[in-house]
Amino acid sequence: FTLAARNYLDYGGLFIFDLNTEYKYREILGEQTIAENRDEGS
């Protein structure tokens, strides 16, 4: 964030980013196993 704010963003420039939430890790992904099989790979 500091590199963006002080070095590499124009004044007034935007930093747009996304994050997975705590809810997703705790309730959706946590302790889960996901598997997928296709011809190209699995």
PDB file of all heavy atoms in Angstrom:
ATOM      1  N   PHE A   1       0.832  -1.203   0.000  1.00  0.00           N
ATOM      2  CA  PHE A   1       0.000   0.000   0.000  1.00  0.00           C
ATOM      3  C   PHE A   1       0.871   1.260   0.000  1.00  0.00           C
ATOM      4  O   PHE A   1       0.552   2.248  -0.664  1.00  0.00           O
ATOM      5  CB  PHE A   1      -0.920   0.018   1.222  1.00  0.00           C
ATOM      6  CG  PHE A   1      -1.954  -1.074   1.243  1.00  0.00           C
ATOM      7  CD1 PHE A   1      -2.505  -1.506   2.442  1.00  0.00           C
ATOM      8  CD2 PHE A   1      -2.393  -1.677   0.064  1.00  0.00           C
ATOM      9  CE1 PHE A   1      -3.470  -2.508   2.470  1.00  0.00           C
ATOM     10  CE2 PHE A   1      -3.355  -2.683   0.085  1.00  0.00           C
ATOM     11  CZ  PHE A   1      -3.893  -3.091   1.291  1.00  0.00           C
ATOM     12  N   THR A   2       1.974   1.216   0.741  1.00  0.00           N
ATOM     13  CA  THR A   2       2.854   2.379   0.827  1.00  0.00           C
ATOM     14  C   THR A   2       3.557   2.639  -0.500  1.00  0.00           C
ATOM     15  O   THR A   2       3.715   3.797  -0.916  1.00  0.00           O
ATOM     16  CB  THR A   2       3.887   2.178   1.949  1.00  0.00           C
ATOM     17  OG1 THR A   2       3.196   1.943   3.186  1.00  0.00           O
ATOM     18  CG2 THR A   2       4.778   3.394   2.102  1.00  0.00           C
ATOM     19  N   LEU A   3       4.001   1.578  -1.175  1.00  0.00           N
ATOM     20  CA  LEU A   3       4.605   1.741  -2.499  1.00  0.00           C
ATOM     21  C   LEU A   3       3.619   2.423  -3.451  1.00  0.00           C
ATOM     22  O   LEU A   3       3.998   3.296  -4.242  1.00  0.00           O
ATOM     23  CB  LEU A   3       5.018   0.382  -3.063  1.00  0.00           C
ATOM     24  CG  LEU A   3       6.252  -0.273  -2.444  1.00  0.00           C
ATOM     25  CD1 LEU A   3       6.431  -1.687  -3.000  1.00  0.00           C
ATOM     26  CD2 LEU A   3       7.499   0.560  -2.715  1.00  0.00           C
ATOM     27  N   ALA A   4       2.350   2.004  -3.368  1.00  0.00           N
ATOM     28  CA  ALA A   4       1.325   2.620  -4.218  1.00  0.00           C
ATOM     29  C   ALA A   4       1.123   4.079  -3.849  1.00  0.00           C
ATOM     30  O   ALA A   4       1.096   4.967  -4.715  1.00  0.00           O
ATOM     31  CB  ALA A   4       0.013   1.845  -4.096  1.00  0.00           C
ATOM     32  N   ALA A   5       1.012   4.353  -2.539  1.00  0.00           N
ATOM     33  CA  ALA A   5       0.654   5.695  -2.074  1.00  0.00           C
ATOM     34  C   ALA A   5       1.773   6.712  -2.257  1.00  0.00           C
ATOM     35  O   ALA A   5       1.511   7.896  -2.484  1.00  0.00           O
ATOM     36  CB  ALA A   5       0.253   5.642  -0.599  1.00  0.00           C
ATOM     37  N   ARG A   6       3.012   6.262  -2.170  1.00  0.00           N
ATOM     38  CA  ARG A   6       4.125   7.223  -2.168  1.00  0.00           C
ATOM     39  C   ARG A   6       4.974   7.185  -3.430  1.00  0.00           C
ATOM     40  O   ARG A   6       5.686   8.157  -3.717  1.00  0.00           O
ATOM     41  CB  ARG A   6       5.012   6.964  -0.946  1.00  0.00           C
ATOM     42  CG  ARG A   6       4.266   7.142   0.366  1.00  0.00           C
ATOM     43  CD  ARG A   6       5.163   6.926   1.562  1.00  0.00           C
ATOM     44  NE  ARG A   6       4.407   7.019   2.814  1.00  0.00           N
ATOM     45  CZ  ARG A   6       4.928   6.817   4.016  1.00  0.00           C
ATOM     46  NH1 ARG A   6       6.220   6.528   4.137  1.00  0.00           N
ATOM     47  NH2 ARG A   6       4.180   6.919   5.095  1.00  0.00           N
ATOM     48  N   ASN A   7       4.924   6.066  -4.164  1.00  0.00           N
ATOM     49  CA  ASN A   7       5.850   5.932  -5.297  1.00  0.00           C
ATOM     50  C   ASN A   7       5.180   5.806  -6.659  1.00  0.00           C
ATOM     51  O   ASN A   7       5.623   6.446  -7.617  1.00  0.00           O
ATOM     52  CB  ASN A   7       6.748   4.701  -5.100  1.00  0.00           C
ATOM     53  CG  ASN A   7       7.708   4.852  -3.944  1.00  0.00           C
ATOM     54  OD1 ASN A   7       7.535   5.715  -3.095  1.00  0.00           O
ATOM     55  ND2 ASN A   7       8.726   4.007  -3.905  1.00  0.00           N
ATOM     56  N   TYR A   8       4.144   4.983  -6.770  1.00  0.00           N
ATOM     57  CA  TYR A   8       3.755   4.521  -8.092  1.00  0.00           C
ATOM     58  C   TYR A   8       2.342   4.869  -8.548  1.00  0.00           C
ATOM     59  O   TYR A   8       1.981   4.569  -9.680  1.00  0.00           O
ATOM     60  CB  TYR A   8       3.970   3.008  -8.194  1.00  0.00           C
ATOM     61  CG  TYR A   8       5.422   2.634  -7.991  1.00  0.00           C
ATOM     62  CD1 TYR A   8       5.798   1.728  -7.008  1.00  0.00           C
ATOM     63  CD2 TYR A   8       6.419   3.213  -8.761  1.00  0.00           C
ATOM     64  CE1 TYR A   8       7.124   1.395  -6.816  1.00  0.00           C
ATOM     65  CE2 TYR A   8       7.754   2.884  -8.576  1.00  0.00           C
ATOM     66  CZ  TYR A   8       8.107   1.978  -7.598  1.00  0.00           C
ATOM     67  OH  TYR A   8       9.426   1.658  -7.402  1.00  0.00           O
ATOM     68  N   LEU A   9       1.543   5.476  -7.701  1.00  0.00           N
ATOM     69  CA  LEU A   9       0.232   5.939  -8.141  1.00  0.00           C
ATOM     70  C   LEU A   9       0.283   7.434  -8.416  1.00  0.00           C
ATOM     71  O   LEU A   9       0.879   8.199  -7.655  1.00  0.00           O
ATOM     72  CB  LEU A   9      -0.832   5.674  -7.071  1.00  0.00           C
ATOM     73  CG  LEU A   9      -1.603   4.357  -7.115  1.00  0.00           C
ATOM     74  CD1 LEU A   9      -2.590   4.301  -5.962  1.00  0.00           C
ATOM     75  CD2 LEU A   9      -2.326   4.149  -8.434  1.00  0.00           C
ATOM     76  N   ASP A  10      -0.347   7.872  -9.499  1.00  0.00           N
ATOM     77  CA  ASP A  10      -0.561   9.297  -9.703  1.00  0.00           C
ATOM     78  C   ASP A  10      -1.361   9.847  -8.527  1.00  0.00           C
ATOM     79  O   ASP A  10      -2.142   9.118  -7.901  1.00  0.00           O
ATOM     80  CB  ASP A  10      -1.362   9.549 -10.984  1.00  0.00           C
ATOM     81  CG  ASP A  10      -0.590   9.235 -12.252  1.00  0.00           C
ATOM     82  OD1 ASP A  10       0.645   9.102 -12.188  1.00  0.00           O
ATOM     83  OD2 ASP A  10      -1.240   9.125 -13.315  1.00  0.00           O
ATOM     84  N   TYR A  11      -1.200  11.139  -8.254  1.00  0.00           N
ATOM     85  CA  TYR A  11      -2.078  11.766  -7.265  1.00  0.00           C
ATOM     86  C   TYR A  11      -3.523  11.613  -7.739  1.00  0.00           C
ATOM     87  O   TYR A  11      -3.853  11.885  -8.884  1.00  0.00           O
ATOM     88  CB  TYR A  11      -1.735  13.241  -7.096  1.00  0.00           C
ATOM     89  CG  TYR A  11      -0.417  13.455  -6.382  1.00  0.00           C
ATOM     90  CD1 TYR A  11       0.714  13.879  -7.069  1.00  0.00           C
ATOM     91  CD2 TYR A  11      -0.306  13.224  -5.010  1.00  0.00           C
ATOM     92  CE1 TYR A  11       1.922  14.072  -6.415  1.00  0.00           C
ATOM     93  CE2 TYR A  11       0.898  13.405  -4.340  1.00  0.00           C
ATOM     94  CZ  TYR A  11       2.011  13.824  -5.053  1.00  0.00           C
ATOM     95  OH  TYR A  11       3.209  14.004  -4.395  1.00  0.00           O
ATOM     96  N   GLY A  12      -4.365  11.131  -6.860  1.00  0.00           N
ATOM     97  CA  GLY A  12      -5.756  10.874  -7.229  1.00  0.00           C
ATOM     98  C   GLY A  12      -5.963   9.521  -7.894  1.00  0.00           C
ATOM     99  O   GLY A  12      -7.094   9.154  -8.222  1.00  0.00           O
ATOM    100  N   GLY A  13      -4.875   8.747  -8.065  1.00  0.00           N
ATOM    101  CA  GLY A  13      -4.978   7.428  -8.699  1.00  0.00           C
ATOM    102  C   GLY A  13      -5.632   6.403  -7.784  1.00  0.00           C
ATOM    103  O   GLY A  13      -5.579   6.508  -6.550  1.00  0.00           O
ATOM    104  N   LEU A  14      -6.243   5.382  -8.383  1.00  0.00           N
ATOM    105  CA  LEU A  14      -6.984   4.366  -7.625  1.00  0.00           C
ATOM    106  C   LEU A  14      -6.185   3.080  -7.449  1.00  0.00           C
ATOM    107  O   LEU A  14      -5.417   2.678  -8.330  1.00  0.00           O
ATOM    108  CB  LEU A  14      -8.297   4.027  -8.341  1.00  0.00           C
ATOM    109  CG  LEU A  14      -9.353   5.112  -8.479  1.00  0.00           C
ATOM    110  CD1 LEU A  14     -10.626   4.520  -9.072  1.00  0.00           C
ATOM    111  CD2 LEU A  14      -9.653   5.791  -7.146  1.00  0.00           C
ATOM    112  N   PHE A  15      -6.407   2.442  -6.313  1.00  0.00           N
ATOM    113  CA  PHE A  15      -5.926   1.088  -6.059  1.00  0.00           C
ATOM    114  C   PHE A  15      -7.175   0.257  -5.780  1.00  0.00           C
ATOM    115  O   PHE A  15      -7.854   0.450  -4.772  1.00  0.00           O
ATOM    116  CB  PHE A  15      -4.984   1.084  -4.858  1.00  0.00           C
ATOM    117  CG  PHE A  15      -4.199  -0.199  -4.679  1.00  0.00           C
ATOM    118  CD1 PHE A  15      -3.055  -0.204  -3.907  1.00  0.00           C
ATOM    119  CD2 PHE A  15      -4.593  -1.404  -5.258  1.00  0.00           C
ATOM    120  CE1 PHE A  15      -2.308  -1.366  -3.705  1.00  0.00           C
ATOM    121  CE2 PHE A  15      -3.867  -2.562  -5.083  1.00  0.00           C
ATOM    122  CZ  PHE A  15      -2.719  -2.543  -4.299  1.00  0.00           C
ATOM    123  N   ILE A  16      -7.487  -0.660  -6.698  1.00  0.00           N
ATOM    124  CA  ILE A  16      -8.669  -1.515  -6.591  1.00  0.00           C
ATOM    125  C   ILE A  16      -8.194  -2.953  -6.404  1.00  0.00           C
ATOM    126  O   ILE A  16      -7.465  -3.480  -7.245  1.00  0.00           O
ATOM    127  CB  ILE A  16      -9.543  -1.417  -7.859  1.00  0.00           C
ATOM    128  CG1 ILE A  16      -9.962   0.037  -8.116  1.00  0.00           C
ATOM    129  CG2 ILE A  16     -10.769  -2.323  -7.750  1.00  0.00           C
ATOM    130  CD1 ILE A  16     -10.598   0.257  -9.486  1.00  0.00           C
ATOM    131  N   PHE A  17      -8.597  -3.584  -5.317  1.00  0.00           N
ATOM    132  CA  PHE A  17      -8.188  -4.971  -5.105  1.00  0.00           C
ATOM    133  C   PHE A  17      -9.316  -5.739  -4.428  1.00  0.00           C
ATOM    134  O   PHE A  17     -10.198  -5.157  -3.785  1.00  0.00           O
ATOM    135  CB  PHE A  17      -6.912  -5.059  -4.262  1.00  0.00           C
ATOM    136  CG  PHE A  17      -7.020  -4.481  -2.886  1.00  0.00           C
ATOM    137  CD1 PHE A  17      -7.338  -5.281  -1.789  1.00  0.00           C
ATOM    138  CD2 PHE A  17      -6.780  -3.134  -2.659  1.00  0.00           C
ATOM    139  CE1 PHE A  17      -7.436  -4.756  -0.508  1.00  0.00           C
ATOM    140  CE2 PHE A  17      -6.865  -2.590  -1.380  1.00  0.00           C
ATOM    141  CZ  PHE A  17      -7.196  -3.404  -0.300  1.00  0.00           C
ATOM    142  N   ASP A  18      -9.289  -7.061  -4.598  1.00  0.00           N
ATOM    143  CA  ASP A  18     -10.287  -7.885  -3.922  1.00  0.00           C
ATOM    144  C   ASP A  18      -9.617  -8.795  -2.899  1.00  0.00           C
ATOM    145  O   ASP A  18      -8.399  -9.009  -2.925  1.00  0.00           O
ATOM    146  CB  ASP A  18     -11.150  -8.669  -4.918  1.00  0.00           C
ATOM    147  CG  ASP A  18     -10.403  -9.770  -5.664  1.00  0.00           C
ATOM    148  OD1 ASP A  18      -9.478 -10.374  -5.099  1.00  0.00           O
ATOM    149  OD2 ASP A  18     -10.753 -10.040  -6.829  1.00  0.00           O
ATOM    150  N   LEU A  19     -10.434  -9.302  -1.997  1.00  0.00           N
ATOM    151  CA  LEU A  19      -9.973 -10.205  -0.941  1.00  0.00           C
ATOM    152  C   LEU A  19     -11.016 -11.286  -0.706  1.00  0.00           C
ATOM    153  O   LEU A  19     -12.215 -10.990  -0.662  1.00  0.00           O
ATOM    154  CB  LEU A  19      -9.767  -9.453   0.373  1.00  0.00           C
ATOM    155  CG  LEU A  19      -8.609  -8.467   0.507  1.00  0.00           C
ATOM    156  CD1 LEU A  19      -8.834  -7.579   1.715  1.00  0.00           C
ATOM    157  CD2 LEU A  19      -7.282  -9.201   0.615  1.00  0.00           C
ATOM    158  N   ASN A  20     -10.563 -12.520  -0.536  1.00  0.00           N
ATOM    159  CA  ASN A  20     -11.433 -13.531   0.050  1.00  0.00           C
ATOM    160  C   ASN A  20     -11.674 -13.150   1.503  1.00  0.00           C
ATOM    161  O   ASN A  20     -10.772 -12.662   2.195  1.00  0.00           O
ATOM    162  CB  ASN A  20     -10.779 -14.909  -0.002  1.00  0.00           C
ATOM    163  CG  ASN A  20     -10.908 -15.573  -1.355  1.00  0.00           C
ATOM    164  OD1 ASN A  20     -11.784 -15.245  -2.137  1.00  0.00           O
ATOM    165  ND2 ASN A  20     -10.021 -16.519  -1.622  1.00  0.00           N
ATOM    166  N   THR A  21     -12.878 -13.382   1.998  1.00  0.00           N
ATOM    167  CA  THR A  21     -13.229 -12.973   3.354  1.00  0.00           C
ATOM    168  C   THR A  21     -12.962 -14.070   4.382  1.00  0.00           C
ATOM    169  O   THR A  21     -12.803 -15.252   4.040  1.00  0.00           O
ATOM    170  CB  THR A  21     -14.720 -12.598   3.421  1.00  0.00           C
ATOM    171  OG1 THR A  21     -15.498 -13.760   3.116  1.00  0.00           O
ATOM    172  CG2 THR A  21     -15.057 -11.482   2.447  1.00  0.00           C
ATOM    173  N   GLU A  22     -12.954 -13.669   5.627  1.00  0.00           N
ATOM    174  CA  GLU A  22     -12.846 -14.637   6.721  1.00  0.00           C
ATOM    175  C   GLU A  22     -13.992 -15.638   6.652  1.00  0.00           C
ATOM    176  O   GLU A  22     -13.802 -16.836   6.915  1.00  0.00           O
ATOM    177  CB  GLU A  22     -12.863 -13.911   8.059  1.00  0.00           C
ATOM    178  CG  GLU A  22     -11.666 -13.017   8.305  1.00  0.00           C
ATOM    179  CD  GLU A  22     -11.746 -12.313   9.637  1.00  0.00           C
ATOM    180  OE1 GLU A  22     -11.526 -12.986  10.668  1.00  0.00           O
ATOM    181  OE2 GLU A  22     -12.038 -11.109   9.664  1.00  0.00           O
ATOM    182  N   TYR A  23     -15.184 -15.161   6.317  1.00  0.00           N
ATOM    183  CA  TYR A  23     -16.338 -16.045   6.208  1.00  0.00           C
ATOM    184  C   TYR A  23     -16.068 -17.161   5.189  1.00  0.00           C
ATOM    185  O   TYR A  23     -16.374 -18.336   5.444  1.00  0.00           O
ATOM    186  CB  TYR A  23     -17.580 -15.251   5.795  1.00  0.00           C
ATOM    187  CG  TYR A  23     -18.791 -16.117   5.497  1.00  0.00           C
ATOM    188  CD1 TYR A  23     -19.643 -16.529   6.521  1.00  0.00           C
ATOM    189  CD2 TYR A  23     -19.073 -16.540   4.185  1.00  0.00           C
ATOM    190  CE1 TYR A  23     -20.741 -17.342   6.251  1.00  0.00           C
ATOM    191  CE2 TYR A  23     -20.161 -17.345   3.917  1.00  0.00           C
ATOM    192  CZ  TYR A  23     -20.989 -17.746   4.950  1.00  0.00           C
ATOM    193  OH  TYR A  23     -22.070 -18.555   4.682  1.00  0.00           O
ATOM    194  N   LYS A  24     -15.506 -16.811   4.048  1.00  0.00           N
ATOM    195  CA  LYS A  24     -15.251 -17.813   3.013  1.00  0.00           C
ATOM    196  C   LYS A  24     -14.272 -18.871   3.479  1.00  0.00           C
ATOM    197  O   LYS A  24     -14.482 -20.069   3.272  1.00  0.00           O
ATOM    198  CB  LYS A  24     -14.729 -17.135   1.742  1.00  0.00           C
ATOM    199  CG  LYS A  24     -14.493 -18.112   0.590  1.00  0.00           C
ATOM    200  CD  LYS A  24     -14.097 -17.385  -0.681  1.00  0.00           C
ATOM    201  CE  LYS A  24     -13.913 -18.358  -1.838  1.00  0.00           C
ATOM    202  NZ  LYS A  24     -13.567 -17.648  -3.096  1.00  0.00           N
ATOM    203  N   TYR A  25     -13.190 -18.436   4.115  1.00  0.00           N
ATOM    204  CA  TYR A  25     -12.208 -19.407   4.590  1.00  0.00           C
ATOM    205  C   TYR A  25     -12.794 -20.288   5.687  1.00  0.00           C
ATOM    206  O   TYR A  25     -12.574 -21.501   5.702  1.00  0.00           O
ATOM    207  CB  TYR A  25     -10.966 -18.683   5.119  1.00  0.00           C
ATOM    208  CG  TYR A  25     -10.134 -18.024   4.042  1.00  0.00           C
ATOM    209  CD1 TYR A  25      -9.921 -16.654   4.051  1.00  0.00           C
ATOM    210  CD2 TYR A  25      -9.558 -18.770   3.030  1.00  0.00           C
ATOM    211  CE1 TYR A  25      -9.154 -16.043   3.080  1.00  0.00           C
ATOM    212  CE2 TYR A  25      -8.788 -18.167   2.047  1.00  0.00           C
ATOM    213  CZ  TYR A  25      -8.593 -16.807   2.075  1.00  0.00           C
ATOM    214  OH  TYR A  25      -7.841 -16.206   1.091  1.00  0.00           O
ATOM    215  N   ARG A  26     -13.534 -19.683   6.582  1.00  0.00           N
ATOM    216  CA  ARG A  26     -14.043 -20.420   7.742  1.00  0.00           C
ATOM    217  C   ARG A  26     -15.211 -21.335   7.382  1.00  0.00           C
ATOM    218  O   ARG A  26     -15.258 -22.495   7.814  1.00  0.00           O
ATOM    219  CB  ARG A  26     -14.464 -19.420   8.825  1.00  0.00           C
ATOM    220  CG  ARG A  26     -14.874 -20.060  10.131  1.00  0.00           C
ATOM    221  CD  ARG A  26     -15.248 -19.013  11.168  1.00  0.00           C
ATOM    222  NE  ARG A  26     -16.404 -18.213  10.748  1.00  0.00           N
ATOM    223  CZ  ARG A  26     -16.338 -16.934  10.415  1.00  0.00           C
ATOM    224  NH1 ARG A  26     -15.178 -16.291  10.429  1.00  0.00           N
ATOM    225  NH2 ARG A  26     -17.425 -16.279  10.046  1.00  0.00           N
ATOM    226  N   GLU A  27     -16.152 -20.836   6.573  1.00  0.00           N
ATOM    227  CA  GLU A  27     -17.399 -21.555   6.340  1.00  0.00           C
ATOM    228  C   GLU A  27     -17.458 -22.299   5.000  1.00  0.00           C
ATOM    229  O   GLU A  27     -18.184 -23.276   4.875  1.00  0.00           O
ATOM    230  CB  GLU A  27     -18.579 -20.578   6.405  1.00  0.00           C
ATOM    231  CG  GLU A  27     -18.691 -19.798   7.706  1.00  0.00           C
ATOM    232  CD  GLU A  27     -18.990 -20.679   8.891  1.00  0.00           C
ATOM    233  OE1 GLU A  27     -19.530 -21.796   8.697  1.00  0.00           O
ATOM    234  OE2 GLU A  27     -18.683 -20.261  10.036  1.00  0.00           O
ATOM    235  N   ILE A  28     -16.712 -21.836   4.010  1.00  0.00           N
ATOM    236  CA  ILE A  28     -16.819 -22.429   2.668  1.00  0.00           C
ATOM    237  C   ILE A  28     -15.629 -23.327   2.341  1.00  0.00           C
ATOM    238  O   ILE A  28     -15.793 -24.471   1.915  1.00  0.00           O
ATOM    239  CB  ILE A  28     -16.945 -21.326   1.594  1.00  0.00           C
ATOM    240  CG1 ILE A  28     -18.098 -20.369   1.923  1.00  0.00           C
ATOM    241  CG2 ILE A  28     -17.130 -21.943   0.213  1.00  0.00           C
ATOM    242  CD1 ILE A  28     -19.455 -21.019   1.999  1.00  0.00           C
ATOM    243  N   LEU A  29     -14.412 -22.827   2.570  1.00  0.00           N
ATOM    244  CA  LEU A  29     -13.223 -23.576   2.174  1.00  0.00           C
ATOM    245  C   LEU A  29     -12.662 -24.441   3.292  1.00  0.00           C
ATOM    246  O   LEU A  29     -12.173 -25.542   3.034  1.00  0.00           O
ATOM    247  CB  LEU A  29     -12.129 -22.613   1.691  1.00  0.00           C
ATOM    248  CG  LEU A  29     -12.404 -21.853   0.394  1.00  0.00           C
ATOM    249  CD1 LEU A  29     -11.240 -20.928   0.070  1.00  0.00           C
ATOM    250  CD2 LEU A  29     -12.643 -22.811  -0.764  1.00  0.00           C
ATOM    251  N   GLY A  30     -12.710 -23.955   4.520  1.00  0.00           N
ATOM    252  CA  GLY A  30     -12.042 -24.625   5.628  1.00  0.00           C
ATOM    253  C   GLY A  30     -12.372 -26.096   5.759  1.00  0.00           C
ATOM    254  O   GLY A  30     -13.543 -26.481   5.776  1.00  0.00           O
ATOM    255  N   GLU A  31     -11.316 -26.920   5.817  1.00  0.00           N
ATOM    256  CA  GLU A  31     -11.436 -28.371   6.000  1.00  0.00           C
ATOM    257  C   GLU A  31     -12.193 -29.066   4.863  1.00  0.00           C
ATOM    258  O   GLU A  31     -12.699 -30.176   5.048  1.00  0.00           O
ATOM    259  CB  GLU A  31     -12.118 -28.700   7.343  1.00  0.00           C
ATOM    260  CG  GLU A  31     -11.512 -27.987   8.537  1.00  0.00           C
ATOM    261  CD  GLU A  31     -10.029 -28.220   8.671  1.00  0.00           C
ATOM    262  OE1 GLU A  31      -9.581 -29.366   8.508  1.00  0.00           O
ATOM    263  OE2 GLU A  31      -9.291 -27.237   8.927  1.00  0.00           O
ATOM    264  N   GLN A  32     -12.272 -28.420   3.724  1.00  0.00           N
ATOM    265  CA  GLN A  32     -12.964 -29.004   2.577  1.00  0.00           C
ATOM    266  C   GLN A  32     -11.956 -29.543   1.558  1.00  0.00           C
ATOM    267  O   GLN A  32     -10.853 -29.005   1.411  1.00  0.00           O
ATOM    268  CB  GLN A  32     -13.847 -27.970   1.886  1.00  0.00           C
ATOM    269  CG  GLN A  32     -14.974 -27.428   2.747  1.00  0.00           C
ATOM    270  CD  GLN A  32     -15.989 -28.500   3.104  1.00  0.00           C
ATOM    271  OE1 GLN A  32     -16.402 -29.293   2.262  1.00  0.00           O
ATOM    272  NE2 GLN A  32     -16.394 -28.516   4.369  1.00  0.00           N
ATOM    273  N   THR A  33     -12.355 -30.597   0.860  1.00  0.00           N
ATOM    274  CA  THR A  33     -11.554 -31.140  -0.242  1.00  0.00           C
ATOM    275  C   THR A  33     -12.356 -30.993  -1.527  1.00  0.00           C
ATOM    276  O   THR A  33     -13.513 -31.415  -1.594  1.00  0.00           O
ATOM    277  CB  THR A  33     -11.210 -32.625  -0.012  1.00  0.00           C
ATOM    278  OG1 THR A  33     -10.415 -32.745   1.181  1.00  0.00           O
ATOM    279  CG2 THR A  33     -10.420 -33.182  -1.196  1.00  0.00           C
ATOM    280  N   ILE A  34     -11.730 -30.397  -2.521  1.00  0.00           N
ATOM    281  CA  ILE A  34     -12.365 -30.175  -3.818  1.00  0.00           C
ATOM    282  C   ILE A  34     -11.576 -30.939  -4.863  1.00  0.00           C
ATOM    283  O   ILE A  34     -10.338 -30.880  -4.896  1.00  0.00           O
ATOM    284  CB  ILE A  34     -12.382 -28.667  -4.168  1.00  0.00           C
ATOM    285  CG1 ILE A  34     -13.116 -27.886  -3.080  1.00  0.00           C
ATOM    286  CG2 ILE A  34     -13.028 -28.432  -5.530  1.00  0.00           C
ATOM    287  CD1 ILE A  34     -12.931 -26.385  -3.161  1.00  0.00           C
ATOM    288  N   ALA A  35     -12.263 -31.663  -5.711  1.00  0.00           N
ATOM    289  CA  ALA A  35     -11.587 -32.439  -6.756  1.00  0.00           C
ATOM    290  C   ALA A  35     -12.295 -32.239  -8.086  1.00  0.00           C
ATOM    291  O   ALA A  35     -13.514 -32.055  -8.135  1.00  0.00           O
ATOM    292  CB  ALA A  35     -11.562 -33.921  -6.393  1.00  0.00           C
ATOM    293  N   GLU A  36     -11.508 -32.237  -9.150  1.00  0.00           N
ATOM    294  CA  GLU A  36     -12.083 -32.093 -10.484  1.00  0.00           C
ATOM    295  C   GLU A  36     -11.246 -32.902 -11.460  1.00  0.00           C
ATOM    296  O   GLU A  36     -10.008 -32.921 -11.371  1.00  0.00           O
ATOM    297  CB  GLU A  36     -12.116 -30.621 -10.903  1.00  0.00           C
ATOM    298  CG  GLU A  36     -12.891 -30.394 -12.195  1.00  0.00           C
ATOM    299  CD  GLU A  36     -13.226 -28.931 -12.430  1.00  0.00           C
ATOM    300  OE1 GLU A  36     -13.189 -28.149 -11.462  1.00  0.00           O
ATOM    301  OE2 GLU A  36     -13.515 -28.585 -13.582  1.00  0.00           O
ATOM    302  N   ASN A  37     -11.925 -33.562 -12.386  1.00  0.00           N
ATOM    303  CA  ASN A  37     -11.237 -34.422 -13.351  1.00  0.00           C
ATOM    304  C   ASN A  37     -11.663 -34.052 -14.767  1.00  0.00           C
ATOM    305  O   ASN A  37     -12.856 -33.988 -15.061  1.00  0.00           O
ATOM    306  CB  ASN A  37     -11.568 -35.897 -13.071  1.00  0.00           C
ATOM    307  CG  ASN A  37     -10.807 -36.829 -13.977  1.00  0.00           C
ATOM    308  OD1 ASN A  37      -9.645 -36.588 -14.283  1.00  0.00           O
ATOM    309  ND2 ASN A  37     -11.457 -37.888 -14.422  1.00  0.00           N
ATOM    310  N   ARG A  38     -10.686 -33.764 -15.614  1.00  0.00           N
ATOM    311  CA  ARG A  38     -10.946 -33.482 -17.024  1.00  0.00           C
ATOM    312  C   ARG A  38      -9.913 -34.221 -17.858  1.00  0.00           C
ATOM    313  O   ARG A  38      -8.900 -34.700 -17.335  1.00  0.00           O
ATOM    314  CB  ARG A  38     -10.860 -31.979 -17.301  1.00  0.00           C
ATOM    315  CG  ARG A  38     -11.826 -31.138 -16.467  1.00  0.00           C
ATOM    316  CD  ARG A  38     -11.889 -29.728 -16.983  1.00  0.00           C
ATOM    317  NE  ARG A  38     -12.682 -28.863 -16.108  1.00  0.00           N
ATOM    318  CZ  ARG A  38     -12.983 -27.602 -16.389  1.00  0.00           C
ATOM    319  NH1 ARG A  38     -12.543 -27.061 -17.516  1.00  0.00           N
ATOM    320  NH2 ARG A  38     -13.693 -26.870 -15.553  1.00  0.00           N
ATOM    321  N   ASP A  39     -10.140 -34.283 -19.160  1.00  0.00           N
ATOM    322  CA  ASP A  39      -9.201 -34.987 -20.028  1.00  0.00           C
ATOM    323  C   ASP A  39      -7.807 -34.370 -19.969  1.00  0.00           C
ATOM    324  O   ASP A  39      -6.795 -35.078 -19.991  1.00  0.00           O
ATOM    325  CB  ASP A  39      -9.696 -34.974 -21.483  1.00  0.00           C
ATOM    326  CG  ASP A  39     -10.907 -35.864 -21.699  1.00  0.00           C
ATOM    327  OD1 ASP A  39     -11.132 -36.758 -20.852  1.00  0.00           O
ATOM    328  OD2 ASP A  39     -11.620 -35.665 -22.695  1.00  0.00           O
ATOM    329  N   GLU A  40      -7.758 -33.029 -19.910  1.00  0.00           N
ATOM    330  CA  GLU A  40      -6.463 -32.340 -19.933  1.00  0.00           C
ATOM    331  C   GLU A  40      -5.712 -32.467 -18.618  1.00  0.00           C
ATOM    332  O   GLU A  40      -4.494 -32.269 -18.555  1.00  0.00           O
ATOM    333  CB  GLU A  40      -6.647 -30.859 -20.255  1.00  0.00           C
ATOM    334  CG  GLU A  40      -7.285 -30.605 -21.612  1.00  0.00           C
ATOM    335  CD  GLU A  40      -8.809 -30.538 -21.532  1.00  0.00           C
ATOM    336  OE1 GLU A  40      -9.383 -31.079 -20.557  1.00  0.00           O
ATOM    337  OE2 GLU A  40      -9.416 -29.944 -22.438  1.00  0.00           O
ATOM    338  N   GLY A  41      -6.425 -32.742 -17.546  1.00  0.00           N
ATOM    339  CA  GLY A  41      -5.785 -32.845 -16.251  1.00  0.00           C
ATOM    340  C   GLY A  41      -6.801 -32.936 -15.143  1.00  0.00           C
ATOM    341  O   GLY A  41      -8.004 -32.754 -15.355  1.00  0.00           O
ATOM    342  N   SER A  42      -6.330 -33.229 -13.965  1.00  0.00           N
ATOM    343  CA  SER A  42      -7.212 -33.305 -12.804  1.00  0.00           C
ATOM    344  C   SER A  42      -6.476 -32.759 -11.592  1.00  0.00           C
ATOM    345  O   SER A  42      -5.249 -32.648 -11.588  1.00  0.00           O
ATOM    346  CB  SER A  42      -7.653 -34.748 -12.550  1.00  0.00           C
ATOM    347  OG  SER A  42      -6.539 -35.569 -12.276  1.00  0.00           O
TER     348      SER A  42
END
